[in-house]
Amino acid sequence: MSLRVTLEFTENDLEHFRKRAKMAMESAEEQSRETIIKAARELLDQVNERVESDYIRSRLGQLQILIDMLEDEGWGMQEVGQRRVLSALAYFNNPDDLIPDDIPGIGFLDDAIMVELLCRELKPEIDAYRDFVEYRKATAKRMGVEPSELNRSDFLKNREHALLARMRRRRRGGGGGRRSKSPFSLF
């Protein structure tokens, strides 16, 4: 049996989380990339060791993809994206939690909520990275190479080729049997 609990955050509640995220962004500038990533890993380790809640584990487990995005040399995340992800991870390097982590059962609940909010904010970056990982895995298998041999530029070239092929198909009538030209066609 499972129980669904819905939390509704008011604008005032969200503003509180925004302030804490902003403080984390400011502190991220003072910390090294390695320090921020190490703290996020330590939090994941603590959760894996001490937390039984599936909800909290699944939310905080999302930190792993943020870490992976930063450390994946093949992805080659650009500086702007890195700053956004590091700022998000910096929140978890702050010992001044809303709910102290050592309270059994709920100590990581505020962290889980913050991960959810931050991952929603970083959704475009996360989705793009997941697409890249899937592309790299499938292409490496098809080509018989190690996934680490494929990088972001390979992925972008592949996406460009797919887009151009789709445009050509649409120009020719979409492949649905219609081969007529548009009445406005100049070519």
Protein backbone atom coordinates (compact mmCIF):
# COMPACT_ATOMS: atom_id res chain seq x y z
CA MET A 1 0.00 0.00 0.00
CA SER A 2 1.24 3.49 -0.78
CA LEU A 3 0.05 6.88 0.37
CA ARG A 4 0.04 9.98 -1.75
CA VAL A 5 0.66 13.29 0.00
CA THR A 6 0.42 16.47 -1.99
CA LEU A 7 2.29 19.55 -0.91
CA GLU A 8 1.13 22.88 -2.20
CA PHE A 9 3.65 25.67 -1.99
CA THR A 10 2.43 29.23 -1.94
CA GLU A 11 4.36 31.99 -3.64
CA ASN A 12 5.70 32.88 -0.20
CA ASP A 13 6.95 29.31 0.31
CA LEU A 14 8.60 29.29 -3.11
CA GLU A 15 10.19 32.66 -2.40
CA HIS A 16 11.82 31.13 0.68
CA PHE A 17 13.33 28.34 -1.45
CA ARG A 18 14.43 30.90 -4.07
CA LYS A 19 16.26 32.90 -1.41
CA ARG A 20 18.05 29.78 -0.20
CA ALA A 21 18.94 28.85 -3.78
CA LYS A 22 20.25 32.37 -4.38
CA MET A 23 22.42 32.13 -1.27
CA ALA A 24 23.74 28.83 -2.59
CA MET A 25 24.55 30.45 -5.96
CA GLU A 26 26.51 33.14 -4.22
CA SER A 27 28.39 30.58 -2.13
CA ALA A 28 29.11 28.53 -5.26
CA GLU A 29 31.30 31.34 -6.52
CA GLU A 30 33.44 31.02 -3.38
CA GLN A 31 33.80 27.22 -3.57
CA SER A 32 35.75 25.10 -5.96
CA ARG A 33 33.98 22.82 -8.38
CA GLU A 34 35.57 19.81 -6.68
CA THR A 35 34.34 20.91 -3.23
CA ILE A 36 30.77 21.30 -4.49
CA ILE A 37 30.76 17.93 -6.25
CA LYS A 38 32.34 16.21 -3.24
CA ALA A 39 29.64 17.58 -0.93
CA ALA A 40 26.89 16.40 -3.28
CA ARG A 41 28.46 12.92 -3.38
CA GLU A 42 28.70 12.85 0.41
CA LEU A 43 25.02 13.76 0.67
CA LEU A 44 24.15 10.92 -1.71
CA ASP A 45 26.23 8.53 0.40
CA GLN A 46 24.46 9.67 3.59
CA VAL A 47 21.07 9.18 1.98
CA ASN A 48 22.00 5.70 0.74
CA GLU A 49 23.25 4.73 4.20
CA ARG A 50 20.61 6.32 6.43
CA VAL A 51 17.39 6.95 4.54
CA GLU A 52 14.69 4.38 3.94
CA SER A 53 12.13 6.68 2.31
CA ASP A 54 11.73 5.89 -1.39
CA TYR A 55 10.49 9.44 -2.01
CA ILE A 56 13.60 11.04 -0.52
CA ARG A 57 15.95 8.50 -2.11
CA SER A 58 14.46 9.00 -5.58
CA ARG A 59 14.57 12.79 -5.36
CA LEU A 60 18.08 12.99 -3.98
CA GLY A 61 19.15 10.33 -6.46
CA GLN A 62 18.62 12.99 -9.12
CA LEU A 63 21.77 14.67 -7.84
CA GLN A 64 23.73 11.91 -9.58
CA ILE A 65 22.70 13.06 -13.04
CA LEU A 66 23.80 16.61 -12.18
CA ILE A 67 27.17 15.29 -11.06
CA ASP A 68 27.42 13.11 -14.17
CA MET A 69 26.71 16.11 -16.40
CA LEU A 70 29.60 18.00 -14.87
CA GLU A 71 32.08 15.13 -14.93
CA ASP A 72 31.27 13.63 -18.33
CA GLU A 73 34.10 14.82 -20.56
CA GLY A 74 32.26 13.62 -23.65
CA TRP A 75 29.33 15.87 -22.84
CA GLY A 76 31.64 18.85 -22.48
CA MET A 77 29.15 21.05 -20.70
CA GLN A 78 29.68 24.71 -21.49
CA GLU A 79 30.61 27.19 -18.79
CA VAL A 80 27.15 28.74 -18.44
CA GLY A 81 25.56 25.33 -17.94
CA GLN A 82 28.27 24.31 -15.51
CA ARG A 83 27.67 27.40 -13.39
CA ARG A 84 23.93 26.66 -13.25
CA VAL A 85 24.48 23.05 -12.19
CA LEU A 86 27.22 23.93 -9.70
CA SER A 87 24.97 26.59 -8.19
CA ALA A 88 22.23 24.00 -7.77
CA LEU A 89 24.62 21.50 -6.17
CA ALA A 90 26.10 24.18 -3.89
CA TYR A 91 22.83 24.27 -1.97
CA PHE A 92 23.62 20.81 -0.64
CA ASN A 93 26.96 21.97 0.74
CA ASN A 94 25.19 24.24 3.21
CA PRO A 95 24.99 22.81 6.74
CA ASP A 96 22.22 25.29 7.62
CA ASP A 97 19.25 23.19 6.47
CA LEU A 98 15.62 23.98 7.04
CA ILE A 99 15.33 20.51 8.62
CA PRO A 100 18.53 19.15 10.17
CA ASP A 101 19.64 16.04 8.28
CA ASP A 102 20.06 14.00 11.45
CA ILE A 103 16.32 13.96 12.27
CA PRO A 104 15.21 10.40 11.46
CA GLY A 105 12.62 10.04 8.74
CA ILE A 106 12.33 13.67 7.68
CA GLY A 107 15.85 15.10 7.95
CA PHE A 108 16.38 15.06 4.19
CA LEU A 109 12.86 16.14 3.22
CA ASP A 110 13.84 19.78 2.62
CA ASP A 111 16.75 18.58 0.49
CA ALA A 112 14.40 16.36 -1.54
CA ILE A 113 12.05 19.30 -2.14
CA MET A 114 14.93 21.51 -3.20
CA VAL A 115 16.24 18.85 -5.60
CA GLU A 116 12.80 18.63 -7.16
CA LEU A 117 12.61 22.41 -7.61
CA LEU A 118 16.17 22.67 -8.96
CA CYS A 119 15.72 19.78 -11.38
CA ARG A 120 12.60 21.44 -12.74
CA GLU A 121 14.66 24.57 -13.32
CA LEU A 122 17.44 22.54 -14.99
CA LYS A 123 15.07 20.34 -17.03
CA PRO A 124 16.36 21.49 -20.45
CA GLU A 125 19.94 20.68 -19.49
CA ILE A 126 18.97 17.34 -17.93
CA ASP A 127 16.84 16.32 -20.92
CA ALA A 128 19.61 17.20 -23.37
CA TYR A 129 22.15 15.24 -21.35
CA ARG A 130 19.87 12.19 -21.14
CA ASP A 131 19.38 12.35 -24.93
CA PHE A 132 23.14 12.47 -25.36
CA VAL A 133 23.71 9.49 -23.06
CA GLU A 134 21.11 7.43 -24.97
CA TYR A 135 22.61 8.46 -28.32
CA ARG A 136 26.12 7.60 -27.15
CA LYS A 137 25.10 4.20 -25.80
CA ALA A 138 23.13 3.20 -28.92
CA THR A 139 25.69 4.55 -31.38
CA ALA A 140 28.63 2.98 -29.58
CA LYS A 141 26.88 -0.39 -29.64
CA ARG A 142 26.02 -0.02 -33.34
CA MET A 143 29.56 1.05 -34.26
CA GLY A 144 31.28 -1.43 -31.93
CA VAL A 145 33.21 1.26 -30.07
CA GLU A 146 33.42 2.34 -26.46
CA PRO A 147 30.86 5.01 -25.50
CA SER A 148 33.69 7.21 -24.22
CA GLU A 149 34.89 7.54 -27.83
CA LEU A 150 31.78 9.54 -28.73
CA ASN A 151 31.33 13.12 -27.64
CA ARG A 152 28.95 16.04 -27.79
CA SER A 153 30.07 17.14 -31.26
CA ASP A 154 29.22 13.66 -32.63
CA PHE A 155 25.81 13.94 -30.99
CA LEU A 156 25.18 17.42 -32.41
CA LYS A 157 26.25 16.34 -35.91
CA ASN A 158 23.87 13.39 -35.67
CA ARG A 159 21.03 15.68 -34.55
CA GLU A 160 21.80 18.09 -37.39
CA HIS A 161 21.72 15.26 -39.96
CA ALA A 162 18.41 13.99 -38.55
CA LEU A 163 16.93 17.49 -38.70
CA LEU A 164 18.08 18.03 -42.28
CA ALA A 165 16.72 14.63 -43.33
CA ARG A 166 13.37 15.46 -41.73
CA MET A 167 13.26 18.80 -43.57
CA ARG A 168 13.99 17.05 -46.90
CA ARG A 169 11.23 14.49 -46.26
CA ARG A 170 8.75 17.25 -45.46
CA ARG A 171 9.75 19.16 -48.57
CA ARG A 172 9.08 16.06 -50.67
CA GLY A 173 5.62 15.61 -49.21
CA GLY A 174 6.32 13.90 -45.92
CA GLY A 175 6.61 10.37 -47.22
CA GLY A 176 2.88 9.89 -46.83
CA GLY A 177 2.23 9.27 -50.51
CA ARG A 178 1.69 12.89 -51.46
CA ARG A 179 4.29 13.96 -53.98
CA SER A 180 2.73 17.25 -55.06
CA LYS A 181 4.54 20.50 -54.71
CA SER A 182 3.23 23.35 -52.69
CA PRO A 183 1.38 25.91 -54.83
CA PHE A 184 3.80 28.45 -53.35
CA SER A 185 6.92 26.45 -54.21
CA LEU A 186 9.68 28.40 -55.90
CA PHE A 187 11.84 25.33 -56.51
